[in-house]
Amino acid sequence: MAAGCGSKAKSTGSQRPSTNAQIQILQPTAGEVVTGTSLQVVISLTGGSIVPTATATPLPGNVGHIHLIDNGSIVSMAYGTTQQISVTPGTHVLQAEFVASDHGPYYPRDISSVHFTAQ
């Protein structure tokens, strides 16, 4: 899945658009202990719209999609605010980032994170 993100992951410089959107992970909650190998992730996104592909040039600051990152690896490129991901036992840092429709980050990055444990 990471192939769609490639070298676009730079998060510095004025070449990237900015956004007023705000992303938040609603589920799982901080410190939660989950069981099983599948986890439902629920995201809140305000001030932004989710689209599957680049829609305009230059990139507008309110259009994109969500990258879910578990322990530093992209596990999903979500085009909605609810997503199932696979998890392994142990501690996890889950991040949700609202990125531009070209898969590159906004500057500054619009990212939320939560720590949880899977059993």
PDB file of N, CA and C in Angstrom:
ATOM      1  N   MET A   1       0.798  -1.200   0.000  1.00  0.00           N
ATOM      2  CA  MET A   1       0.000   0.000   0.000  1.00  0.00           C
ATOM      3  C   MET A   1       0.839   1.261   0.000  1.00  0.00           C
ATOM      4  N   ALA A   2       2.018   1.189   0.533  1.00  0.00           N
ATOM      5  CA  ALA A   2       2.869   2.365   0.629  1.00  0.00           C
ATOM      6  C   ALA A   2       3.335   2.849  -0.730  1.00  0.00           C
ATOM      7  N   ALA A   3       3.208   2.063  -1.760  1.00  0.00           N
ATOM      8  CA  ALA A   3       3.706   2.451  -3.070  1.00  0.00           C
ATOM      9  C   ALA A   3       3.060   3.728  -3.576  1.00  0.00           C
ATOM     10  N   GLY A   4       1.823   3.986  -3.230  1.00  0.00           N
ATOM     11  CA  GLY A   4       1.153   5.199  -3.672  1.00  0.00           C
ATOM     12  C   GLY A   4       1.684   6.446  -3.021  1.00  0.00           C
ATOM     13  N   CYS A   5       2.479   6.298  -1.969  1.00  0.00           N
ATOM     14  CA  CYS A   5       2.980   7.451  -1.234  1.00  0.00           C
ATOM     15  C   CYS A   5       4.392   7.802  -1.634  1.00  0.00           C
ATOM     16  N   GLY A   6       5.212   6.818  -1.932  1.00  0.00           N
ATOM     17  CA  GLY A   6       6.555   6.984  -2.434  1.00  0.00           C
ATOM     18  C   GLY A   6       7.316   8.156  -1.880  1.00  0.00           C
ATOM     19  N   SER A   7       7.909   8.934  -2.769  1.00  0.00           N
ATOM     20  CA  SER A   7       8.779  10.028  -2.370  1.00  0.00           C
ATOM     21  C   SER A   7       8.020  11.302  -2.047  1.00  0.00           C
ATOM     22  N   LYS A   8       6.724  11.278  -2.074  1.00  0.00           N
ATOM     23  CA  LYS A   8       5.930  12.465  -1.806  1.00  0.00           C
ATOM     24  C   LYS A   8       5.807  12.764  -0.313  1.00  0.00           C
ATOM     25  N   ALA A   9       6.482  11.996   0.546  1.00  0.00           N
ATOM     26  CA  ALA A   9       6.290  12.095   1.982  1.00  0.00           C
ATOM     27  C   ALA A   9       7.043  13.245   2.639  1.00  0.00           C
ATOM     28  N   LYS A  10       7.615  14.153   1.864  1.00  0.00           N
ATOM     29  CA  LYS A  10       8.296  15.294   2.456  1.00  0.00           C
ATOM     30  C   LYS A  10       7.271  16.178   3.157  1.00  0.00           C
ATOM     31  N   SER A  11       7.627  16.666   4.327  1.00  0.00           N
ATOM     32  CA  SER A  11       6.659  17.468   5.084  1.00  0.00           C
ATOM     33  C   SER A  11       7.188  18.858   5.378  1.00  0.00           C
ATOM     34  N   THR A  12       8.209  19.291   4.674  1.00  0.00           N
ATOM     35  CA  THR A  12       8.744  20.625   4.891  1.00  0.00           C
ATOM     36  C   THR A  12       8.737  21.395   3.587  1.00  0.00           C
ATOM     37  N   GLY A  13       8.810  22.700   3.721  1.00  0.00           N
ATOM     38  CA  GLY A  13       8.922  23.551   2.552  1.00  0.00           C
ATOM     39  C   GLY A  13       7.602  24.098   2.084  1.00  0.00           C
ATOM     40  N   SER A  14       7.720  25.187   1.357  1.00  0.00           N
ATOM     41  CA  SER A  14       6.526  25.883   0.900  1.00  0.00           C
ATOM     42  C   SER A  14       5.899  25.235  -0.329  1.00  0.00           C
ATOM     43  N   GLN A  15       6.508  24.165  -0.885  1.00  0.00           N
ATOM     44  CA  GLN A  15       5.943  23.521  -2.064  1.00  0.00           C
ATOM     45  C   GLN A  15       4.671  22.744  -1.745  1.00  0.00           C
ATOM     46  N   ARG A  16       4.392  22.442  -0.493  1.00  0.00           N
ATOM     47  CA  ARG A  16       3.200  21.697  -0.109  1.00  0.00           C
ATOM     48  C   ARG A  16       2.095  22.665   0.298  1.00  0.00           C
ATOM     49  N   PRO A  17       0.836  22.333  -0.031  1.00  0.00           N
ATOM     50  CA  PRO A  17      -0.282  23.173   0.392  1.00  0.00           C
ATOM     51  C   PRO A  17      -0.527  23.038   1.891  1.00  0.00           C
ATOM     52  N   SER A  18      -1.197  24.026   2.457  1.00  0.00           N
ATOM     53  CA  SER A  18      -1.609  23.936   3.861  1.00  0.00           C
ATOM     54  C   SER A  18      -3.091  23.600   3.899  1.00  0.00           C
ATOM     55  N   THR A  19      -3.570  23.213   5.085  1.00  0.00           N
ATOM     56  CA  THR A  19      -4.983  22.877   5.256  1.00  0.00           C
ATOM     57  C   THR A  19      -5.489  23.411   6.586  1.00  0.00           C
ATOM     58  N   ASN A  20      -6.766  23.714   6.630  1.00  0.00           N
ATOM     59  CA  ASN A  20      -7.427  24.072   7.884  1.00  0.00           C
ATOM     60  C   ASN A  20      -8.196  22.889   8.445  1.00  0.00           C
ATOM     61  N   ALA A  21      -8.175  21.754   7.734  1.00  0.00           N
ATOM     62  CA  ALA A  21      -8.871  20.554   8.197  1.00  0.00           C
ATOM     63  C   ALA A  21      -8.247  20.059   9.492  1.00  0.00           C
ATOM     64  N   GLN A  22      -9.049  19.383  10.295  1.00  0.00           N
ATOM     65  CA  GLN A  22      -8.567  18.810  11.549  1.00  0.00           C
ATOM     66  C   GLN A  22      -9.011  17.365  11.624  1.00  0.00           C
ATOM     67  N   ILE A  23      -8.044  16.492  11.895  1.00  0.00           N
ATOM     68  CA  ILE A  23      -8.312  15.065  11.979  1.00  0.00           C
ATOM     69  C   ILE A  23      -8.145  14.609  13.418  1.00  0.00           C
ATOM     70  N   GLN A  24      -8.976  13.639  13.818  1.00  0.00           N
ATOM     71  CA  GLN A  24      -8.902  13.094  15.174  1.00  0.00           C
ATOM     72  C   GLN A  24      -9.285  11.620  15.132  1.00  0.00           C
ATOM     73  N   ILE A  25      -8.551  10.806  15.887  1.00  0.00           N
ATOM     74  CA  ILE A  25      -8.890   9.389  16.020  1.00  0.00           C
ATOM     75  C   ILE A  25      -9.893   9.254  17.165  1.00  0.00           C
ATOM     76  N   LEU A  26     -11.088   8.751  16.863  1.00  0.00           N
ATOM     77  CA  LEU A  26     -12.121   8.555  17.887  1.00  0.00           C
ATOM     78  C   LEU A  26     -12.064   7.150  18.477  1.00  0.00           C
ATOM     79  N   GLN A  27     -11.659   6.183  17.659  1.00  0.00           N
ATOM     80  CA  GLN A  27     -11.592   4.790  18.083  1.00  0.00           C
ATOM     81  C   GLN A  27     -10.430   4.131  17.372  1.00  0.00           C
ATOM     82  N   PRO A  28      -9.504   3.496  18.035  1.00  0.00           N
ATOM     83  CA  PRO A  28      -9.485   3.183  19.463  1.00  0.00           C
ATOM     84  C   PRO A  28      -9.148   4.430  20.285  1.00  0.00           C
ATOM     85  N   THR A  29      -9.418   4.347  21.567  1.00  0.00           N
ATOM     86  CA  THR A  29      -9.125   5.449  22.466  1.00  0.00           C
ATOM     87  C   THR A  29      -7.744   5.263  23.083  1.00  0.00           C
ATOM     88  N   ALA A  30      -7.189   6.352  23.597  1.00  0.00           N
ATOM     89  CA  ALA A  30      -5.847   6.317  24.198  1.00  0.00           C
ATOM     90  C   ALA A  30      -5.803   5.315  25.339  1.00  0.00           C
ATOM     91  N   GLY A  31      -4.822   4.416  25.294  1.00  0.00           N
ATOM     92  CA  GLY A  31      -4.639   3.432  26.350  1.00  0.00           C
ATOM     93  C   GLY A  31      -5.554   2.222  26.274  1.00  0.00           C
ATOM     94  N   GLU A  32      -6.418   2.174  25.295  1.00  0.00           N
ATOM     95  CA  GLU A  32      -7.365   1.062  25.174  1.00  0.00           C
ATOM     96  C   GLU A  32      -6.633  -0.256  24.942  1.00  0.00           C
ATOM     97  N   VAL A  33      -7.188  -1.329  25.495  1.00  0.00           N
ATOM     98  CA  VAL A  33      -6.700  -2.678  25.243  1.00  0.00           C
ATOM     99  C   VAL A  33      -7.745  -3.361  24.364  1.00  0.00           C
ATOM    100  N   VAL A  34      -7.322  -3.802  23.171  1.00  0.00           N
ATOM    101  CA  VAL A  34      -8.240  -4.437  22.229  1.00  0.00           C
ATOM    102  C   VAL A  34      -7.851  -5.895  22.082  1.00  0.00           C
ATOM    103  N   THR A  35      -8.824  -6.725  21.729  1.00  0.00           N
ATOM    104  CA  THR A  35      -8.557  -8.142  21.518  1.00  0.00           C
ATOM    105  C   THR A  35      -8.840  -8.497  20.068  1.00  0.00           C
ATOM    106  N   GLY A  36      -8.172  -9.523  19.591  1.00  0.00           N
ATOM    107  CA  GLY A  36      -8.386  -9.984  18.225  1.00  0.00           C
ATOM    108  C   GLY A  36      -7.332  -9.459  17.276  1.00  0.00           C
ATOM    109  N   THR A  37      -7.491  -9.825  16.019  1.00  0.00           N
ATOM    110  CA  THR A  37      -6.510  -9.453  15.007  1.00  0.00           C
ATOM    111  C   THR A  37      -7.003  -8.366  14.063  1.00  0.00           C
ATOM    112  N   SER A  38      -8.233  -7.919  14.270  1.00  0.00           N
ATOM    113  CA  SER A  38      -8.818  -6.871  13.443  1.00  0.00           C
ATOM    114  C   SER A  38      -9.294  -5.734  14.343  1.00  0.00           C
ATOM    115  N   LEU A  39      -9.074  -4.522  13.894  1.00  0.00           N
ATOM    116  CA  LEU A  39      -9.432  -3.340  14.680  1.00  0.00           C
ATOM    117  C   LEU A  39     -10.223  -2.373  13.815  1.00  0.00           C
ATOM    118  N   GLN A  40     -11.366  -1.923  14.329  1.00  0.00           N
ATOM    119  CA  GLN A  40     -12.124  -0.893  13.631  1.00  0.00           C
ATOM    120  C   GLN A  40     -11.611   0.462  14.088  1.00  0.00           C
ATOM    121  N   VAL A  41     -11.158   1.263  13.122  1.00  0.00           N
ATOM    122  CA  VAL A  41     -10.661   2.607  13.385  1.00  0.00           C
ATOM    123  C   VAL A  41     -11.737   3.585  12.939  1.00  0.00           C
ATOM    124  N   VAL A  42     -12.055   4.547  13.822  1.00  0.00           N
ATOM    125  CA  VAL A  42     -13.036   5.572  13.501  1.00  0.00           C
ATOM    126  C   VAL A  42     -12.345   6.924  13.609  1.00  0.00           C
ATOM    127  N   ILE A  43     -12.480   7.721  12.568  1.00  0.00           N
ATOM    128  CA  ILE A  43     -11.811   9.013  12.439  1.00  0.00           C
ATOM    129  C   ILE A  43     -12.860  10.114  12.346  1.00  0.00           C
ATOM    130  N   SER A  44     -12.525  11.278  12.907  1.00  0.00           N
ATOM    131  CA  SER A  44     -13.318  12.482  12.699  1.00  0.00           C
ATOM    132  C   SER A  44     -12.484  13.434  11.850  1.00  0.00           C
ATOM    133  N   LEU A  45     -13.081  13.955  10.793  1.00  0.00           N
ATOM    134  CA  LEU A  45     -12.419  14.937   9.939  1.00  0.00           C
ATOM    135  C   LEU A  45     -13.341  16.128   9.787  1.00  0.00           C
ATOM    136  N   THR A  46     -12.880  17.289  10.214  1.00  0.00           N
ATOM    137  CA  THR A  46     -13.662  18.508  10.055  1.00  0.00           C
ATOM    138  C   THR A  46     -12.898  19.479   9.166  1.00  0.00           C
ATOM    139  N   GLY A  47     -13.623  20.161   8.319  1.00  0.00           N
ATOM    140  CA  GLY A  47     -13.019  21.166   7.454  1.00  0.00           C
ATOM    141  C   GLY A  47     -12.346  20.622   6.214  1.00  0.00           C
ATOM    142  N   GLY A  48     -12.514  19.333   5.941  1.00  0.00           N
ATOM    143  CA  GLY A  48     -11.893  18.727   4.769  1.00  0.00           C
ATOM    144  C   GLY A  48     -12.839  17.756   4.104  1.00  0.00           C
ATOM    145  N   SER A  49     -12.574  17.471   2.835  1.00  0.00           N
ATOM    146  CA  SER A  49     -13.370  16.519   2.061  1.00  0.00           C
ATOM    147  C   SER A  49     -12.475  15.395   1.578  1.00  0.00           C
ATOM    148  N   ILE A  50     -12.991  14.177   1.646  1.00  0.00           N
ATOM    149  CA  ILE A  50     -12.244  13.005   1.215  1.00  0.00           C
ATOM    150  C   ILE A  50     -12.585  12.711  -0.245  1.00  0.00           C
ATOM    151  N   VAL A  51     -11.530  12.612  -1.084  1.00  0.00           N
ATOM    152  CA  VAL A  51     -11.690  12.285  -2.506  1.00  0.00           C
ATOM    153  C   VAL A  51     -10.657  11.230  -2.873  1.00  0.00           C
ATOM    154  N   PRO A  52     -10.939  10.376  -3.867  1.00  0.00           N
ATOM    155  CA  PRO A  52     -10.019   9.292  -4.196  1.00  0.00           C
ATOM    156  C   PRO A  52      -8.822   9.674  -5.062  1.00  0.00           C
ATOM    157  N   THR A  53      -8.889  10.759  -5.834  1.00  0.00           N
ATOM    158  CA  THR A  53      -7.786  11.091  -6.734  1.00  0.00           C
ATOM    159  C   THR A  53      -7.571  12.596  -6.771  1.00  0.00           C
ATOM    160  N   ALA A  54      -6.444  12.996  -7.359  1.00  0.00           N
ATOM    161  CA  ALA A  54      -6.162  14.422  -7.518  1.00  0.00           C
ATOM    162  C   ALA A  54      -7.289  15.064  -8.319  1.00  0.00           C
ATOM    163  N   THR A  55      -7.790  16.195  -7.834  1.00  0.00           N
ATOM    164  CA  THR A  55      -8.932  16.829  -8.480  1.00  0.00           C
ATOM    165  C   THR A  55      -8.616  18.204  -9.033  1.00  0.00           C
ATOM    166  N   ALA A  56      -7.514  18.825  -8.613  1.00  0.00           N
ATOM    167  CA  ALA A  56      -7.221  20.177  -9.065  1.00  0.00           C
ATOM    168  C   ALA A  56      -5.734  20.461  -8.912  1.00  0.00           C
ATOM    169  N   THR A  57      -5.239  21.361  -9.740  1.00  0.00           N
ATOM    170  CA  THR A  57      -3.875  21.847  -9.609  1.00  0.00           C
ATOM    171  C   THR A  57      -3.949  23.352  -9.627  1.00  0.00           C
ATOM    172  N   PRO A  58      -3.377  24.069  -8.673  1.00  0.00           N
ATOM    173  CA  PRO A  58      -2.664  23.494  -7.530  1.00  0.00           C
ATOM    174  C   PRO A  58      -3.615  22.786  -6.581  1.00  0.00           C
ATOM    175  N   LEU A  59      -3.037  21.967  -5.715  1.00  0.00           N
ATOM    176  CA  LEU A  59      -3.834  21.174  -4.775  1.00  0.00           C
ATOM    177  C   LEU A  59      -4.535  22.081  -3.776  1.00  0.00           C
ATOM    178  N   PRO A  60      -5.863  21.935  -3.651  1.00  0.00           N
ATOM    179  CA  PRO A  60      -6.575  22.720  -2.638  1.00  0.00           C
ATOM    180  C   PRO A  60      -6.292  22.189  -1.233  1.00  0.00           C
ATOM    181  N   GLY A  61      -6.410  23.027  -0.238  1.00  0.00           N
ATOM    182  CA  GLY A  61      -6.082  22.658   1.132  1.00  0.00           C
ATOM    183  C   GLY A  61      -7.172  21.913   1.878  1.00  0.00           C
ATOM    184  N   ASN A  62      -8.303  21.647   1.250  1.00  0.00           N
ATOM    185  CA  ASN A  62      -9.387  20.989   1.969  1.00  0.00           C
ATOM    186  C   ASN A  62      -9.811  19.681   1.316  1.00  0.00           C
ATOM    187  N   VAL A  63      -8.990  19.136   0.421  1.00  0.00           N
ATOM    188  CA  VAL A  63      -9.346  17.942  -0.327  1.00  0.00           C
ATOM    189  C   VAL A  63      -8.226  16.919  -0.194  1.00  0.00           C
ATOM    190  N   GLY A  64      -8.580  15.672   0.130  1.00  0.00           N
ATOM    191  CA  GLY A  64      -7.561  14.635   0.240  1.00  0.00           C
ATOM    192  C   GLY A  64      -8.156  13.329   0.710  1.00  0.00           C
ATOM    193  N   HIS A  65      -7.339  12.547   1.411  1.00  0.00           N
ATOM    194  CA  HIS A  65      -7.788  11.283   1.988  1.00  0.00           C
ATOM    195  C   HIS A  65      -6.951  11.020   3.241  1.00  0.00           C
ATOM    196  N   ILE A  66      -7.152   9.861   3.855  1.00  0.00           N
ATOM    197  CA  ILE A  66      -6.529   9.578   5.148  1.00  0.00           C
ATOM    198  C   ILE A  66      -5.550   8.423   5.019  1.00  0.00           C
ATOM    199  N   HIS A  67      -4.341   8.632   5.514  1.00  0.00           N
ATOM    200  CA  HIS A  67      -3.370   7.543   5.649  1.00  0.00           C
ATOM    201  C   HIS A  67      -3.398   7.074   7.091  1.00  0.00           C
ATOM    202  N   LEU A  68      -3.560   5.766   7.297  1.00  0.00           N
ATOM    203  CA  LEU A  68      -3.457   5.173   8.631  1.00  0.00           C
ATOM    204  C   LEU A  68      -2.082   4.538   8.760  1.00  0.00           C
ATOM    205  N   ILE A  69      -1.383   4.885   9.820  1.00  0.00           N
ATOM    206  CA  ILE A  69      -0.010   4.457  10.037  1.00  0.00           C
ATOM    207  C   ILE A  69       0.045   3.750  11.385  1.00  0.00           C
ATOM    208  N   ASP A  70       0.467   2.486  11.386  1.00  0.00           N
ATOM    209  CA  ASP A  70       0.571   1.706  12.622  1.00  0.00           C
ATOM    210  C   ASP A  70       2.046   1.420  12.877  1.00  0.00           C
ATOM    211  N   ASN A  71       2.532   1.904  14.003  1.00  0.00           N
ATOM    212  CA  ASN A  71       3.939   1.716  14.381  1.00  0.00           C
ATOM    213  C   ASN A  71       4.896   2.093  13.249  1.00  0.00           C
ATOM    214  N   GLY A  72       4.605   3.206  12.582  1.00  0.00           N
ATOM    215  CA  GLY A  72       5.496   3.741  11.562  1.00  0.00           C
ATOM    216  C   GLY A  72       5.289   3.250  10.152  1.00  0.00           C
ATOM    217  N   SER A  73       4.374   2.298   9.931  1.00  0.00           N
ATOM    218  CA  SER A  73       4.126   1.760   8.585  1.00  0.00           C
ATOM    219  C   SER A  73       2.706   2.079   8.140  1.00  0.00           C
ATOM    220  N   ILE A  74       2.575   2.546   6.909  1.00  0.00           N
ATOM    221  CA  ILE A  74       1.237   2.806   6.366  1.00  0.00           C
ATOM    222  C   ILE A  74       0.515   1.473   6.202  1.00  0.00           C
ATOM    223  N   VAL A  75      -0.664   1.374   6.815  1.00  0.00           N
ATOM    224  CA  VAL A  75      -1.454   0.147   6.728  1.00  0.00           C
ATOM    225  C   VAL A  75      -2.731   0.339   5.920  1.00  0.00           C
ATOM    226  N   SER A  76      -3.089   1.590   5.638  1.00  0.00           N
ATOM    227  CA  SER A  76      -4.303   1.838   4.872  1.00  0.00           C
ATOM    228  C   SER A  76      -4.297   3.247   4.311  1.00  0.00           C
ATOM    229  N   MET A  77      -4.818   3.381   3.101  1.00  0.00           N
ATOM    230  CA  MET A  77      -5.121   4.687   2.522  1.00  0.00           C
ATOM    231  C   MET A  77      -6.635   4.744   2.456  1.00  0.00           C
ATOM    232  N   ALA A  78      -7.230   5.388   3.430  1.00  0.00           N
ATOM    233  CA  ALA A  78      -8.676   5.334   3.620  1.00  0.00           C
ATOM    234  C   ALA A  78      -9.383   6.465   2.890  1.00  0.00           C
ATOM    235  N   TYR A  79     -10.477   6.118   2.222  1.00  0.00           N
ATOM    236  CA  TYR A  79     -11.311   7.097   1.544  1.00  0.00           C
ATOM    237  C   TYR A  79     -12.639   7.247   2.271  1.00  0.00           C
ATOM    238  N   GLY A  80     -12.593   7.015   3.590  1.00  0.00           N
ATOM    239  CA  GLY A  80     -13.745   7.176   4.460  1.00  0.00           C
ATOM    240  C   GLY A  80     -13.245   7.334   5.881  1.00  0.00           C
ATOM    241  N   THR A  81     -14.147   7.535   6.797  1.00  0.00           N
ATOM    242  CA  THR A  81     -13.753   7.782   8.185  1.00  0.00           C
ATOM    243  C   THR A  81     -13.869   6.553   9.076  1.00  0.00           C
ATOM    244  N   THR A  82     -14.193   5.405   8.502  1.00  0.00           N
ATOM    245  CA  THR A  82     -14.206   4.134   9.226  1.00  0.00           C
ATOM    246  C   THR A  82     -13.404   3.136   8.414  1.00  0.00           C
ATOM    247  N   GLN A  83     -12.514   2.416   9.099  1.00  0.00           N
ATOM    248  CA  GLN A  83     -11.628   1.487   8.394  1.00  0.00           C
ATOM    249  C   GLN A  83     -11.283   0.319   9.303  1.00  0.00           C
ATOM    250  N   GLN A  84     -11.237  -0.893   8.759  1.00  0.00           N
ATOM    251  CA  GLN A  84     -10.757  -2.078   9.478  1.00  0.00           C
ATOM    252  C   GLN A  84      -9.287  -2.272   9.142  1.00  0.00           C
ATOM    253  N   ILE A  85      -8.457  -2.485  10.171  1.00  0.00           N
ATOM    254  CA  ILE A  85      -7.055  -2.798   9.936  1.00  0.00           C
ATOM    255  C   ILE A  85      -6.692  -4.056  10.726  1.00  0.00           C
ATOM    256  N   SER A  86      -5.657  -4.735  10.291  1.00  0.00           N
ATOM    257  CA  SER A  86      -5.147  -5.898  11.010  1.00  0.00           C
ATOM    258  C   SER A  86      -4.155  -5.420  12.061  1.00  0.00           C
ATOM    259  N   VAL A  87      -4.170  -6.077  13.233  1.00  0.00           N
ATOM    260  CA  VAL A  87      -3.225  -5.748  14.294  1.00  0.00           C
ATOM    261  C   VAL A  87      -2.626  -7.035  14.845  1.00  0.00           C
ATOM    262  N   THR A  88      -1.429  -6.903  15.369  1.00  0.00           N
ATOM    263  CA  THR A  88      -0.743  -8.015  16.022  1.00  0.00           C
ATOM    264  C   THR A  88      -0.662  -7.714  17.511  1.00  0.00           C
ATOM    265  N   PRO A  89      -0.487  -8.730  18.353  1.00  0.00           N
ATOM    266  CA  PRO A  89      -0.374  -8.482  19.793  1.00  0.00           C
ATOM    267  C   PRO A  89       0.796  -7.541  20.099  1.00  0.00           C
ATOM    268  N   GLY A  90       0.569  -6.672  21.076  1.00  0.00           N
ATOM    269  CA  GLY A  90       1.617  -5.750  21.506  1.00  0.00           C
ATOM    270  C   GLY A  90       1.126  -4.322  21.571  1.00  0.00           C
ATOM    271  N   THR A  91       2.062  -3.414  21.832  1.00  0.00           N
ATOM    272  CA  THR A  91       1.719  -1.996  21.911  1.00  0.00           C
ATOM    273  C   THR A  91       1.789  -1.378  20.515  1.00  0.00           C
ATOM    274  N   HIS A  92       0.912  -0.422  20.301  1.00  0.00           N
ATOM    275  CA  HIS A  92       0.808   0.224  18.994  1.00  0.00           C
ATOM    276  C   HIS A  92       0.700   1.729  19.151  1.00  0.00           C
ATOM    277  N   VAL A  93       1.280   2.429  18.181  1.00  0.00           N
ATOM    278  CA  VAL A  93       1.036   3.856  17.996  1.00  0.00           C
ATOM    279  C   VAL A  93       0.340   3.968  16.648  1.00  0.00           C
ATOM    280  N   LEU A  94      -0.928   4.349  16.692  1.00  0.00           N
ATOM    281  CA  LEU A  94      -1.716   4.509  15.476  1.00  0.00           C
ATOM    282  C   LEU A  94      -1.783   5.991  15.147  1.00  0.00           C
ATOM    283  N   GLN A  95      -1.479   6.321  13.903  1.00  0.00           N
ATOM    284  CA  GLN A  95      -1.583   7.697  13.443  1.00  0.00           C
ATOM    285  C   GLN A  95      -2.553   7.749  12.271  1.00  0.00           C
ATOM    286  N   ALA A  96      -3.296   8.829  12.208  1.00  0.00           N
ATOM    287  CA  ALA A  96      -4.168   9.107  11.075  1.00  0.00           C
ATOM    288  C   ALA A  96      -3.739  10.465  10.541  1.00  0.00           C
ATOM    289  N   GLU A  97      -3.429  10.505   9.258  1.00  0.00           N
ATOM    290  CA  GLU A  97      -2.984  11.761   8.654  1.00  0.00           C
ATOM    291  C   GLU A  97      -3.874  12.104   7.476  1.00  0.00           C
ATOM    292  N   PHE A  98      -4.398  13.333   7.475  1.00  0.00           N
ATOM    293  CA  PHE A  98      -5.135  13.839   6.327  1.00  0.00           C
ATOM    294  C   PHE A  98      -4.105  14.366   5.345  1.00  0.00           C
ATOM    295  N   VAL A  99      -4.044  13.746   4.168  1.00  0.00           N
ATOM    296  CA  VAL A  99      -3.057  14.111   3.163  1.00  0.00           C
ATOM    297  C   VAL A  99      -3.760  14.648   1.925  1.00  0.00           C
ATOM    298  N   ALA A 100      -3.009  15.378   1.120  1.00  0.00           N
ATOM    299  CA  ALA A 100      -3.554  15.917  -0.128  1.00  0.00           C
ATOM    300  C   ALA A 100      -3.896  14.767  -1.074  1.00  0.00           C
ATOM    301  N   SER A 101      -4.674  15.051  -2.074  1.00  0.00           N
ATOM    302  CA  SER A 101      -5.132  13.991  -2.979  1.00  0.00           C
ATOM    303  C   SER A 101      -4.008  13.398  -3.815  1.00  0.00           C
ATOM    304  N   ASP A 102      -2.797  13.975  -3.782  1.00  0.00           N
ATOM    305  CA  ASP A 102      -1.644  13.388  -4.469  1.00  0.00           C
ATOM    306  C   ASP A 102      -0.828  12.500  -3.529  1.00  0.00           C
ATOM    307  N   HIS A 103      -1.340  12.202  -2.341  1.00  0.00           N
ATOM    308  CA  HIS A 103      -0.726  11.372  -1.296  1.00  0.00           C
ATOM    309  C   HIS A 103       0.344  12.097  -0.499  1.00  0.00           C
ATOM    310  N   GLY A 104       0.685  13.307  -0.851  1.00  0.00           N
ATOM    311  CA  GLY A 104       1.687  14.056  -0.102  1.00  0.00           C
ATOM    312  C   GLY A 104       1.064  14.733   1.108  1.00  0.00           C
ATOM    313  N   PRO A 105       1.871  15.011   2.124  1.00  0.00           N
ATOM    314  CA  PRO A 105       1.346  15.645   3.336  1.00  0.00           C
ATOM    315  C   PRO A 105       1.059  17.121   3.119  1.00  0.00           C
ATOM    316  N   TYR A 106       0.181  17.642   3.938  1.00  0.00           N
ATOM    317  CA  TYR A 106       0.010  19.088   4.003  1.00  0.00           C
ATOM    318  C   TYR A 106       1.159  19.647   4.826  1.00  0.00           C
ATOM    319  N   TYR A 107       1.394  20.939   4.700  1.00  0.00           N
ATOM    320  CA  TYR A 107       2.424  21.580   5.508  1.00  0.00           C
ATOM    321  C   TYR A 107       1.800  22.763   6.227  1.00  0.00           C
ATOM    322  N   PRO A 108       1.756  22.730   7.564  1.00  0.00           N
ATOM    323  CA  PRO A 108       2.239  21.639   8.407  1.00  0.00           C
ATOM    324  C   PRO A 108       1.311  20.421   8.324  1.00  0.00           C
ATOM    325  N   ARG A 109       1.844  19.283   8.743  1.00  0.00           N
ATOM    326  CA  ARG A 109       1.101  18.029   8.654  1.00  0.00           C
ATOM    327  C   ARG A 109      -0.143  18.071   9.536  1.00  0.00           C
ATOM    328  N   ASP A 110      -1.222  17.460   9.058  1.00  0.00           N
ATOM    329  CA  ASP A 110      -2.480  17.334   9.803  1.00  0.00           C
ATOM    330  C   ASP A 110      -2.575  15.871  10.242  1.00  0.00           C
ATOM    331  N   ILE A 111      -2.122  15.598  11.472  1.00  0.00           N
ATOM    332  CA  ILE A 111      -1.959  14.226  11.932  1.00  0.00           C
ATOM    333  C   ILE A 111      -2.423  14.096  13.372  1.00  0.00           C
ATOM    334  N   SER A 112      -3.010  12.944  13.692  1.00  0.00           N
ATOM    335  CA  SER A 112      -3.463  12.624  15.045  1.00  0.00           C
ATOM    336  C   SER A 112      -2.902  11.262  15.410  1.00  0.00           C
ATOM    337  N   SER A 113      -2.633  11.036  16.689  1.00  0.00           N
ATOM    338  CA  SER A 113      -2.112   9.720  17.083  1.00  0.00           C
ATOM    339  C   SER A 113      -2.718   9.268  18.397  1.00  0.00           C
ATOM    340  N   VAL A 114      -2.685   7.942  18.588  1.00  0.00           N
ATOM    341  CA  VAL A 114      -3.198   7.321  19.804  1.00  0.00           C
ATOM    342  C   VAL A 114      -2.369   6.066  20.076  1.00  0.00           C
ATOM    343  N   HIS A 115      -2.088   5.819  21.337  1.00  0.00           N
ATOM    344  CA  HIS A 115      -1.419   4.579  21.763  1.00  0.00           C
ATOM    345  C   HIS A 115      -2.477   3.596  22.233  1.00  0.00           C
ATOM    346  N   PHE A 116      -2.347   2.320  21.833  1.00  0.00           N
ATOM    347  CA  PHE A 116      -3.248   1.281  22.328  1.00  0.00           C
ATOM    348  C   PHE A 116      -2.473  -0.029  22.378  1.00  0.00           C
ATOM    349  N   THR A 117      -3.058  -1.034  23.021  1.00  0.00           N
ATOM    350  CA  THR A 117      -2.441  -2.355  23.137  1.00  0.00           C
ATOM    351  C   THR A 117      -3.388  -3.386  22.553  1.00  0.00           C
ATOM    352  N   ALA A 118      -2.838  -4.291  21.768  1.00  0.00           N
ATOM    353  CA  ALA A 118      -3.637  -5.391  21.202  1.00  0.00           C
ATOM    354  C   ALA A 118      -3.226  -6.683  21.906  1.00  0.00           C
ATOM    355  N   GLN A 119      -4.244  -7.520  22.234  1.00  0.00           N
ATOM    356  CA  GLN A 119      -3.988  -8.810  22.868  1.00  0.00           C
ATOM    357  C   GLN A 119      -4.507  -9.928  22.017  1.00  0.00           C
TER     358      GLN A 119
END
